[in-house]
Amino acid sequence: MNDEAARRKAEEGRVEAEDERVAHEEDRRVAEGGNEHAQEQGRVEAEERREVSESDRVLAEEKRGSLRAFYTKLATFVALPIAFVALMPALVGLYLNNRRADENRELIEQVVDARADIVTGFKRADLALCRSANEQGDILADLIRGVEKEATDISEESRRQFQLALVRLAPRDCSKLPNQKRNP
């Protein structure tokens, strides 16, 4: 019995050792599986964190873009009235300058018309002077030539002096006028 009891005891020790070995193996597998599971879980959590940070970055960019658009619109809505108010003096000045320019144009037209009238008057006066000078020259020429009765009293020297005086006194531009007689 002793042998048998020792064998049983040895068998029980072997079974217990085997059970311990199996339990230890199971624990090791669980630990390894747990490590793999923990590693997988860590990878999944890291991936989720990356996705969350990426989505946060995208949201932040969208927010920045929407803020930029908002600030641009706000700046436009603020700048337009300010620009309009700043342009008001220039617009009023432009309007007044246009009014002055219209008045100045009218005055310039009046001056041009007056100048044209003056030039026309001078031309008429010049024409009248040329005609009267030509008529006077014709009378003097007739006197000098002896066509007139009074011309017989004039000496030859006086006639020559009269002719030279007529040439000097004759208006130079009268020859350009139409229908004018030239002095000899």
Protein backbone atom coordinates (compact mmCIF):
# COMPACT_ATOMS: atom_id res chain seq x y z
CA MET A 1 0.00 0.00 0.00
CA ASN A 2 2.75 2.17 0.53
CA ASP A 3 3.81 1.73 -2.95
CA GLU A 4 0.46 2.21 -4.19
CA ALA A 5 -0.07 5.28 -2.04
CA ALA A 6 3.26 6.66 -3.15
CA ARG A 7 2.34 5.97 -6.72
CA ARG A 8 -0.98 7.65 -6.29
CA LYS A 9 0.69 10.52 -4.61
CA ALA A 10 3.25 10.71 -7.35
CA GLU A 11 0.48 10.42 -9.90
CA GLU A 12 -1.47 13.15 -8.17
CA GLY A 13 1.71 15.31 -8.05
CA ARG A 14 2.21 14.65 -11.74
CA VAL A 15 -1.42 15.55 -12.49
CA GLU A 16 -1.12 18.64 -10.36
CA ALA A 17 2.13 19.58 -12.08
CA GLU A 18 0.48 18.94 -15.44
CA ASP A 19 -2.52 21.02 -14.38
CA GLU A 20 -0.16 23.74 -13.22
CA ARG A 21 1.75 23.52 -16.46
CA VAL A 22 -1.49 23.72 -18.45
CA ALA A 23 -2.72 26.58 -16.28
CA HIS A 24 0.63 28.28 -16.67
CA GLU A 25 0.51 27.66 -20.44
CA GLU A 26 -3.01 29.05 -20.52
CA ASP A 27 -1.92 32.06 -18.52
CA ARG A 28 0.99 32.51 -20.88
CA ARG A 29 -1.32 32.26 -23.89
CA VAL A 30 -3.76 34.65 -22.28
CA ALA A 31 -0.88 36.97 -21.51
CA GLU A 32 0.46 36.71 -25.05
CA GLY A 33 -3.02 37.05 -26.44
CA GLY A 34 -3.59 39.90 -24.06
CA ASN A 35 -0.38 41.50 -25.23
CA GLU A 36 -1.40 41.04 -28.84
CA HIS A 37 -4.87 42.19 -27.96
CA ALA A 38 -3.42 45.14 -26.04
CA GLN A 39 -1.12 45.91 -28.96
CA GLU A 40 -4.04 45.67 -31.38
CA GLN A 41 -6.13 47.76 -29.03
CA GLY A 42 -3.27 50.29 -28.85
CA ARG A 43 -3.03 50.39 -32.65
CA VAL A 44 -6.78 50.90 -32.93
CA GLU A 45 -6.72 53.64 -30.30
CA ALA A 46 -3.75 55.32 -32.02
CA GLU A 47 -5.57 55.16 -35.37
CA GLU A 48 -8.69 56.60 -33.76
CA ARG A 49 -6.60 59.39 -32.21
CA ARG A 50 -5.04 60.11 -35.64
CA GLU A 51 -8.48 60.22 -37.24
CA VAL A 52 -9.78 62.48 -34.48
CA SER A 53 -6.77 64.80 -34.80
CA GLU A 54 -7.19 64.82 -38.61
CA SER A 55 -10.86 65.66 -38.30
CA ASP A 56 -10.00 68.33 -35.71
CA ARG A 57 -7.41 69.77 -38.11
CA VAL A 58 -9.95 69.77 -40.97
CA LEU A 59 -12.53 71.43 -38.72
CA ALA A 60 -9.96 74.02 -37.63
CA GLU A 61 -9.08 74.75 -41.28
CA GLU A 62 -12.75 75.07 -42.18
CA LYS A 63 -13.26 77.35 -39.20
CA ARG A 64 -10.25 79.47 -40.23
CA GLY A 65 -11.55 79.60 -43.79
CA SER A 66 -15.01 80.59 -42.66
CA LEU A 67 -13.51 83.20 -40.32
CA ARG A 68 -11.43 84.59 -43.19
CA ALA A 69 -14.53 84.77 -45.37
CA PHE A 70 -16.44 86.42 -42.55
CA TYR A 71 -13.67 88.95 -41.92
CA THR A 72 -13.44 89.66 -45.64
CA LYS A 73 -17.18 90.31 -45.82
CA LEU A 74 -17.04 92.38 -42.66
CA ALA A 75 -14.13 94.41 -44.04
CA THR A 76 -16.02 94.94 -47.29
CA PHE A 77 -19.16 96.06 -45.50
CA VAL A 78 -17.12 98.42 -43.34
CA ALA A 79 -14.83 99.66 -46.12
CA LEU A 80 -17.53 100.45 -48.68
CA PRO A 81 -19.33 103.08 -46.60
CA ILE A 82 -16.01 104.54 -45.49
CA ALA A 83 -14.84 104.71 -49.11
CA PHE A 84 -18.13 106.30 -50.16
CA VAL A 85 -17.84 108.89 -47.39
CA ALA A 86 -14.21 109.49 -48.36
CA LEU A 87 -15.20 109.94 -52.01
CA MET A 88 -18.02 112.39 -51.28
CA PRO A 89 -15.80 115.50 -51.29
CA ALA A 90 -14.22 114.36 -54.54
CA LEU A 91 -17.63 113.70 -56.09
CA VAL A 92 -18.94 117.09 -54.94
CA GLY A 93 -15.77 118.72 -56.25
CA LEU A 94 -16.16 116.92 -59.55
CA TYR A 95 -19.76 118.10 -59.81
CA LEU A 96 -18.76 121.68 -59.02
CA ASN A 97 -15.84 121.50 -61.44
CA ASN A 98 -18.17 120.22 -64.15
CA ARG A 99 -20.53 123.11 -63.45
CA ARG A 100 -17.62 125.55 -63.54
CA ALA A 101 -16.33 123.89 -66.69
CA ASP A 102 -19.74 124.32 -68.33
CA GLU A 103 -19.81 127.97 -67.28
CA ASN A 104 -16.22 128.38 -68.49
CA ARG A 105 -17.11 126.74 -71.81
CA GLU A 106 -19.97 129.20 -72.24
CA LEU A 107 -17.67 132.10 -71.38
CA ILE A 108 -15.01 130.80 -73.76
CA GLU A 109 -17.61 130.51 -76.51
CA GLN A 110 -18.67 134.09 -75.82
CA VAL A 111 -15.02 135.22 -75.92
CA VAL A 112 -14.44 133.30 -79.15
CA ASP A 113 -17.56 134.85 -80.66
CA ALA A 114 -16.46 138.32 -79.51
CA ARG A 115 -12.98 137.70 -80.90
CA ALA A 116 -14.47 136.59 -84.20
CA ASP A 117 -16.60 139.73 -84.24
CA ILE A 118 -13.55 141.86 -83.47
CA VAL A 119 -11.49 140.14 -86.18
CA THR A 120 -14.36 140.58 -88.63
CA GLY A 121 -14.63 144.24 -87.61
CA PHE A 122 -10.88 144.71 -88.10
CA LYS A 123 -11.06 143.06 -91.49
CA ARG A 124 -13.96 145.27 -92.49
CA ALA A 125 -12.15 148.36 -91.19
CA ASP A 126 -8.96 147.29 -92.96
CA LEU A 127 -10.90 146.68 -96.14
CA ALA A 128 -12.52 150.09 -95.82
CA LEU A 129 -9.12 151.68 -95.20
CA CYS A 130 -7.67 149.90 -98.20
CA ARG A 131 -10.58 151.01 -100.36
CA SER A 132 -10.32 154.59 -99.16
CA ALA A 133 -6.54 154.47 -99.58
CA ASN A 134 -6.99 153.08 -103.07
CA GLU A 135 -9.58 155.73 -103.87
CA GLN A 136 -7.30 158.44 -102.50
CA GLY A 137 -4.40 156.92 -104.36
CA ASP A 138 -6.43 156.86 -107.57
CA ILE A 139 -7.33 160.51 -107.13
CA LEU A 140 -3.71 161.43 -106.44
CA ALA A 141 -2.54 159.30 -109.36
CA ASP A 142 -5.03 161.02 -111.62
CA LEU A 143 -3.76 164.35 -110.34
CA ILE A 144 -0.15 163.33 -110.89
CA ARG A 145 -0.78 161.93 -114.35
CA GLY A 146 -2.42 165.11 -115.37
CA VAL A 147 -5.83 163.64 -116.05
CA GLU A 148 -7.34 166.14 -113.66
CA LYS A 149 -7.36 169.82 -114.43
CA GLU A 150 -5.42 170.70 -111.31
CA ALA A 151 -2.57 168.39 -112.35
CA THR A 152 -1.24 170.86 -114.88
CA ASP A 153 0.12 173.05 -112.09
CA ILE A 154 2.30 170.25 -110.62
CA SER A 155 5.95 170.06 -111.68
CA GLU A 156 7.62 166.86 -112.83
CA GLU A 157 9.71 166.62 -109.63
CA SER A 158 6.60 166.92 -107.48
CA ARG A 159 4.89 164.23 -109.53
CA ARG A 160 7.81 161.86 -108.95
CA GLN A 161 7.75 162.57 -105.20
CA PHE A 162 4.00 161.94 -105.17
CA GLN A 163 4.50 158.64 -106.96
CA LEU A 164 7.17 157.55 -104.46
CA ALA A 165 4.96 158.65 -101.58
CA LEU A 166 2.04 156.68 -103.04
CA VAL A 167 4.19 153.57 -103.29
CA ARG A 168 5.31 154.00 -99.68
CA LEU A 169 1.81 154.76 -98.40
CA ALA A 170 0.06 151.99 -100.28
CA PRO A 171 -1.08 149.24 -97.85
CA ARG A 172 0.93 146.14 -98.45
CA ASP A 173 -1.90 143.64 -97.88
CA CYS A 174 -4.40 145.53 -100.02
CA SER A 175 -3.00 143.72 -103.03
CA LYS A 176 -4.32 140.46 -101.58
CA LEU A 177 -7.90 141.70 -101.30
CA PRO A 178 -10.24 140.74 -104.13
CA ASN A 179 -11.63 143.31 -106.56
CA GLN A 180 -9.10 145.97 -105.59
CA LYS A 181 -7.26 148.23 -107.99
CA ARG A 182 -3.53 148.41 -107.58
CA ASN A 183 -1.78 151.70 -107.47
CA PRO A 184 0.71 152.27 -110.29
